[in-house]
């Protein structure tokens, strides 16, 4: 998990727009996985970035990549 956090920090420092965090239960306790939003030019570019995540490389998580079209808000600005 520490390697994943460092990877996210390095992506931010290199100019990527990224947000990540834990999924939590009703009591606010983590343990249900995580969620990551990455702004990218296209699906394939996003996939190539995400596949370099240390927790994915280590096979520690099941993951899927979904393309999202933003309609409103400024989440990653």
N, C-alpha and C. Protein backbone atom coordinates (compact mmCIF):
# COMPACT_ATOMS: atom_id res chain seq x y z
N UNK A 1 0.82 -1.20 0.00
CA UNK A 1 0.00 0.00 0.00
C UNK A 1 0.87 1.26 0.00
N UNK A 2 1.99 1.21 0.72
CA UNK A 2 2.90 2.36 0.73
C UNK A 2 3.44 2.65 -0.67
N UNK A 3 3.75 1.60 -1.42
CA UNK A 3 4.25 1.78 -2.79
C UNK A 3 3.17 2.40 -3.68
N UNK A 4 1.91 2.02 -3.45
CA UNK A 4 0.80 2.60 -4.20
C UNK A 4 0.68 4.09 -3.89
N UNK A 5 0.74 4.44 -2.62
CA UNK A 5 0.64 5.86 -2.23
C UNK A 5 1.77 6.69 -2.86
N UNK A 6 2.97 6.15 -2.84
CA UNK A 6 4.11 6.83 -3.44
C UNK A 6 3.91 6.98 -4.94
N UNK A 7 3.38 5.96 -5.60
CA UNK A 7 3.09 6.01 -7.03
C UNK A 7 2.11 7.13 -7.34
N UNK A 8 1.04 7.26 -6.53
CA UNK A 8 0.06 8.33 -6.73
C UNK A 8 0.73 9.69 -6.57
N UNK A 9 1.54 9.86 -5.54
CA UNK A 9 2.24 11.12 -5.31
C UNK A 9 3.13 11.47 -6.49
N UNK A 10 3.87 10.49 -6.99
CA UNK A 10 4.76 10.74 -8.14
C UNK A 10 3.97 11.12 -9.39
N UNK A 11 2.81 10.49 -9.59
CA UNK A 11 1.97 10.86 -10.74
C UNK A 11 1.52 12.31 -10.62
N UNK A 12 1.08 12.71 -9.42
CA UNK A 12 0.66 14.10 -9.20
C UNK A 12 1.81 15.06 -9.47
N UNK A 13 2.99 14.71 -8.94
CA UNK A 13 4.17 15.57 -9.12
C UNK A 13 4.59 15.67 -10.57
N UNK A 14 4.28 14.65 -11.37
CA UNK A 14 4.65 14.69 -12.79
C UNK A 14 3.60 15.38 -13.65
N UNK A 15 2.52 15.86 -13.01
CA UNK A 15 1.53 16.64 -13.74
C UNK A 15 0.22 15.92 -14.04
N UNK A 16 0.11 14.65 -13.68
CA UNK A 16 -1.15 13.94 -13.89
C UNK A 16 -2.21 14.48 -12.93
N UNK A 17 -3.44 14.54 -13.40
CA UNK A 17 -4.56 14.89 -12.54
C UNK A 17 -5.16 13.58 -12.06
N UNK A 18 -5.02 13.32 -10.76
CA UNK A 18 -5.40 12.04 -10.18
C UNK A 18 -5.94 12.26 -8.78
N UNK A 19 -6.92 11.46 -8.40
CA UNK A 19 -7.46 11.46 -7.04
C UNK A 19 -7.70 10.01 -6.66
N UNK A 20 -7.38 9.65 -5.43
CA UNK A 20 -7.62 8.28 -5.00
C UNK A 20 -7.97 8.25 -3.53
N UNK A 21 -8.60 7.16 -3.12
CA UNK A 21 -8.96 7.02 -1.72
C UNK A 21 -9.57 5.66 -1.45
N UNK A 22 -9.92 5.45 -0.18
CA UNK A 22 -10.49 4.19 0.27
C UNK A 22 -12.01 4.21 0.16
N UNK A 23 -12.59 3.07 -0.09
CA UNK A 23 -14.02 2.89 0.09
C UNK A 23 -14.23 2.49 1.54
N UNK A 24 -15.27 3.01 2.18
CA UNK A 24 -15.50 2.77 3.60
C UNK A 24 -16.92 2.27 3.84
N UNK A 25 -17.13 1.70 5.02
CA UNK A 25 -18.47 1.25 5.40
C UNK A 25 -19.24 2.40 6.06
N UNK A 26 -20.42 2.11 6.61
CA UNK A 26 -21.26 3.16 7.20
C UNK A 26 -20.61 3.84 8.39
N UNK A 27 -19.68 3.16 9.03
CA UNK A 27 -18.98 3.74 10.17
C UNK A 27 -17.71 4.50 9.76
N UNK A 28 -17.46 4.56 8.46
CA UNK A 28 -16.27 5.26 7.96
C UNK A 28 -15.00 4.45 8.04
N UNK A 29 -15.12 3.14 8.22
CA UNK A 29 -13.96 2.27 8.35
C UNK A 29 -13.57 1.72 6.98
N UNK A 30 -12.31 1.92 6.56
CA UNK A 30 -11.86 1.39 5.26
C UNK A 30 -11.85 -0.13 5.27
N UNK A 31 -11.89 -0.70 4.08
CA UNK A 31 -11.79 -2.15 3.96
C UNK A 31 -12.53 -2.70 2.77
N UNK A 32 -13.22 -1.84 2.05
CA UNK A 32 -14.00 -2.29 0.91
C UNK A 32 -13.34 -2.01 -0.42
N UNK A 33 -12.04 -1.77 -0.41
CA UNK A 33 -11.35 -1.48 -1.65
C UNK A 33 -11.01 -0.01 -1.78
N UNK A 34 -10.78 0.40 -3.00
CA UNK A 34 -10.40 1.79 -3.24
C UNK A 34 -11.00 2.30 -4.54
N UNK A 35 -10.80 3.58 -4.77
CA UNK A 35 -11.34 4.23 -5.94
C UNK A 35 -10.30 5.23 -6.43
N UNK A 36 -10.09 5.27 -7.73
CA UNK A 36 -9.10 6.17 -8.29
C UNK A 36 -9.68 6.83 -9.54
N UNK A 37 -9.52 8.13 -9.62
CA UNK A 37 -9.94 8.88 -10.80
C UNK A 37 -8.69 9.48 -11.43
N UNK A 38 -8.53 9.25 -12.72
CA UNK A 38 -7.37 9.75 -13.45
C UNK A 38 -7.85 10.44 -14.72
N UNK A 39 -7.43 11.68 -14.90
CA UNK A 39 -7.75 12.38 -16.14
C UNK A 39 -6.74 11.95 -17.19
N UNK A 40 -7.23 11.58 -18.36
CA UNK A 40 -6.36 11.10 -19.43
C UNK A 40 -6.90 11.53 -20.78
N UNK A 41 -6.06 11.46 -21.77
CA UNK A 41 -6.48 11.83 -23.13
C UNK A 41 -7.36 10.77 -23.77
N UNK A 42 -7.18 9.50 -23.35
CA UNK A 42 -8.01 8.42 -23.89
C UNK A 42 -7.90 7.18 -23.01
N UNK A 43 -8.72 6.20 -23.29
CA UNK A 43 -8.80 4.98 -22.50
C UNK A 43 -7.46 4.23 -22.47
N UNK A 44 -6.85 4.06 -23.61
CA UNK A 44 -5.59 3.30 -23.68
C UNK A 44 -4.48 3.96 -22.88
N UNK A 45 -4.42 5.28 -22.93
CA UNK A 45 -3.42 6.01 -22.15
C UNK A 45 -3.66 5.79 -20.66
N UNK A 46 -4.91 5.91 -20.24
CA UNK A 46 -5.26 5.69 -18.83
C UNK A 46 -4.88 4.27 -18.41
N UNK A 47 -5.19 3.30 -19.26
CA UNK A 47 -4.89 1.91 -18.94
C UNK A 47 -3.39 1.70 -18.77
N UNK A 48 -2.60 2.31 -19.63
CA UNK A 48 -1.14 2.14 -19.53
C UNK A 48 -0.60 2.75 -18.25
N UNK A 49 -1.21 3.83 -17.77
CA UNK A 49 -0.79 4.43 -16.50
C UNK A 49 -1.20 3.54 -15.34
N UNK A 50 -2.45 3.13 -15.31
CA UNK A 50 -2.99 2.35 -14.20
C UNK A 50 -2.28 1.01 -14.06
N UNK A 51 -1.91 0.41 -15.16
CA UNK A 51 -1.24 -0.90 -15.11
C UNK A 51 0.14 -0.82 -14.45
N UNK A 52 0.64 0.38 -14.22
CA UNK A 52 1.94 0.55 -13.55
C UNK A 52 1.79 0.74 -12.04
N UNK A 53 0.57 0.71 -11.55
CA UNK A 53 0.31 0.83 -10.11
C UNK A 53 0.92 -0.39 -9.41
N UNK A 54 1.76 -0.17 -8.40
CA UNK A 54 2.41 -1.30 -7.73
C UNK A 54 1.45 -2.35 -7.17
N UNK A 55 0.27 -1.96 -6.70
CA UNK A 55 -0.63 -2.98 -6.16
C UNK A 55 -1.27 -3.81 -7.27
N UNK A 56 -1.34 -3.25 -8.46
CA UNK A 56 -1.83 -4.02 -9.60
C UNK A 56 -0.73 -4.96 -10.10
N UNK A 57 0.47 -4.44 -10.21
CA UNK A 57 1.61 -5.26 -10.64
C UNK A 57 1.78 -6.47 -9.72
N UNK A 58 1.60 -6.24 -8.42
CA UNK A 58 1.76 -7.32 -7.43
C UNK A 58 0.58 -8.27 -7.40
N UNK A 59 -0.49 -7.95 -8.14
CA UNK A 59 -1.66 -8.82 -8.17
C UNK A 59 -2.46 -8.81 -6.87
N UNK A 60 -2.41 -7.71 -6.14
CA UNK A 60 -3.08 -7.62 -4.84
C UNK A 60 -4.54 -7.19 -4.92
N UNK A 61 -4.97 -6.71 -6.07
CA UNK A 61 -6.34 -6.22 -6.20
C UNK A 61 -6.97 -6.72 -7.49
N UNK A 62 -8.27 -6.84 -7.45
CA UNK A 62 -9.05 -7.00 -8.68
C UNK A 62 -9.46 -5.60 -9.10
N UNK A 63 -9.31 -5.29 -10.35
CA UNK A 63 -9.61 -3.92 -10.78
C UNK A 63 -10.28 -3.92 -12.13
N UNK A 64 -10.92 -2.81 -12.41
CA UNK A 64 -11.49 -2.57 -13.73
C UNK A 64 -11.34 -1.09 -14.03
N UNK A 65 -11.25 -0.78 -15.28
CA UNK A 65 -11.11 0.60 -15.73
C UNK A 65 -12.38 0.98 -16.47
N UNK A 66 -13.00 2.05 -16.04
CA UNK A 66 -14.22 2.55 -16.66
C UNK A 66 -13.95 3.94 -17.21
N UNK A 67 -14.40 4.16 -18.44
CA UNK A 67 -14.30 5.50 -19.01
C UNK A 67 -15.50 6.31 -18.53
N UNK A 68 -15.26 7.57 -18.23
CA UNK A 68 -16.28 8.43 -17.66
C UNK A 68 -16.27 9.76 -18.39
N UNK A 69 -17.43 10.25 -18.73
CA UNK A 69 -17.54 11.56 -19.37
C UNK A 69 -18.10 12.53 -18.34
N UNK A 70 -17.31 13.50 -17.96
CA UNK A 70 -17.72 14.48 -16.96
C UNK A 70 -18.78 15.40 -17.52
N UNK A 71 -19.85 15.59 -16.76
CA UNK A 71 -20.95 16.46 -17.18
C UNK A 71 -20.89 17.79 -16.43
N UNK A 72 -20.54 17.75 -15.15
CA UNK A 72 -20.46 18.99 -14.39
C UNK A 72 -19.45 18.82 -13.26
N UNK A 73 -19.08 19.93 -12.64
CA UNK A 73 -18.16 19.91 -11.52
C UNK A 73 -16.71 20.09 -11.96
N UNK A 74 -15.84 20.23 -10.97
CA UNK A 74 -14.43 20.47 -11.21
C UNK A 74 -13.58 19.58 -10.32
N UNK A 75 -13.86 18.31 -10.28
CA UNK A 75 -13.21 17.39 -9.36
C UNK A 75 -11.70 17.41 -9.46
N UNK A 76 -11.15 17.45 -10.64
CA UNK A 76 -9.69 17.35 -10.79
C UNK A 76 -9.04 18.67 -11.18
N UNK A 77 -9.74 19.75 -11.07
CA UNK A 77 -9.13 21.05 -11.40
C UNK A 77 -8.31 21.58 -10.27
